[in-house]
Amino acid sequence: MGMAIREAACDLIGYINRSPSPYHAVAEAVKVLRGAGYQRLEESADWHLVPGGLYYLTRNASTLIAFALGETWVPGAGCQIIGAHTDSPCLRVKQRSKHTSVGYNLVKCECYGGGIWATWFDRDLKLAGKVIVRGENNALNSRLAHIDQPILHIPTLAIHLDRTINDAFKFNREEQMIPVMGLIEKDLGGEPDNKKLSFAEKQQQSFASHHNSKLMSLLSAHLGCTTTDIVGFDLCLADFAPAGLGGFDSEFVMAPRQDNLVNTWAGVQALAKHKTGGSASAAVLCLYDHEEVGSQSAHGAGTQLTNLVLSRLSNSEPALLAKSISRSFLLSADNVHAVHPNYVSKHEGNFQPTINGGVAVKHNSNQRYATTAMGAAMVRELARRNNIPLQEVMVRNDSSCGSTIGPIISSKTAIRTVDLGCPQLSMHSIREMGGAKDPYYAVQLYKAFYEQFASIDAASSDENCDDDMFI
């Protein structure tokens, strides 16, 4: 493995370890972009954009859009867009999480997305996300929290009490998948849960009272505030074990949340390294939350945010926006299923993408993916010119096909799109298995897309049909 490839893999691993929630994924992305000279924009303010400018904005602290304007950019120019998502299947602490059972303190959680929930049992779990804190003059502010300690655990039932467990591991997600936090007799933090309070105190402590006092004390100590200052949160559980390289030759990345932090990281790296030069177009990166639950939120890919940003890049003039959309192209980057060595029959025989074989273009005639014939051909040409490995994937006719943000953004904006991603195994498990080379290949492909795709697009035509074609 070359030094540049290994360094890319290790940088990705560091990003994953520092990003246990979508909020941290965006915060880490912002650090990289700021280091590359990007300036923050506010949606509610006027924008004064200039050619060569580097900008970004966030929404809900879990979605980010960043763009680099070419040196000869003018409003209405085309955009080369890379889209990915910041969320992954996980357990999230319920807004009323306090729960006890036979001497144990537990934390009630909600299943987010389509996780392989059996893999969350018997793992040491930590806690991370966004906490809303009341500060001076009753101002509410969001703060990031990352409790990097193994404070939670979901124990399985011993085989002696269920002899069928190896035949079919079945469980009730509401009743038998509640993380254990500690023992009641050792819950000594904070005030007793049964302390008598005045009405005013109850109003002030209403949020904290719905959660275990030990949990609230841990959060308040981490944030440097009181438990009554905490008035809301969105907290994710995450695997405590850090990501790392694995395999005999360190050819694998063993890590949680590779779907889809691999492409989030690669998109950020490509944009941060992008040189605007004499470009007339805009290089855009869209990192959306809530893909794992359908994208239908104010900060998911189903929102109007993409259109709103493109409109502002077109001076809010419909004619300029229409021209910009016709000149724009989206790479929807979300990981794909690598061929599984123990389940080869689950894969289409002519499409078996391999780990470390490069990014794979996704195809589906039923529009579960937005890739078109011309779009795929142009991406192949981009890879050919830069000697970047590229693969392709389709699912079997007797297998269901997932989807991603590509069809959603494409249908909302009318922007031409290709869906692609890095191959991996164990998708949606608490621990996933990807390639150590593919992150490097992804950055190279995405960087080339920003810098060269406009010229390939300009030299291609998908609308040049004439009567001779139908003879």
Foldseek 3Di string as FASTA:
>chain_A
DDPVLLVLLVVLLVLQQQQQFLLSNLVVLVVLQVVLPEDEDDPVDADDDDAQHWYKYDDPSRKIKIKGHFNQADQLAAEAEEEAARHAWFWKFDLQFFDDDPFFTWGFTDTAFDFPLVLQAFFQKWKWFWFWFQDPPRDIDIDTDTGLDSQWHQYDDDCVVPVCCVVPPDDDCRPRRIITRGGPVPLPADDDLPDDDDPVVCVLCVSVSSYRRSVLRVVCVRVVHHSSRTDDIIMTMAGSDGWAFDDPVSFKIKHFCVFPSLLSVLLSLLRSPADSYNDHYMYMYIYFYDFSPPQPDCGGLLHCVVVVVSCVSNVVDVVSSVSRQVLYEYEHEGEDAAQDPVPNVQFDPVAHHHFLQEKEWEDDPVPLWQDDPVNVVLLVVLCVVVVQGYGYGYGDPPDDDHHGSHSSNCVSRVHRYIYIYFHWPPGSRSITMGGSNHSVSSNVSSNSSRVPSSVSVVVDDPPPDDPVVVD
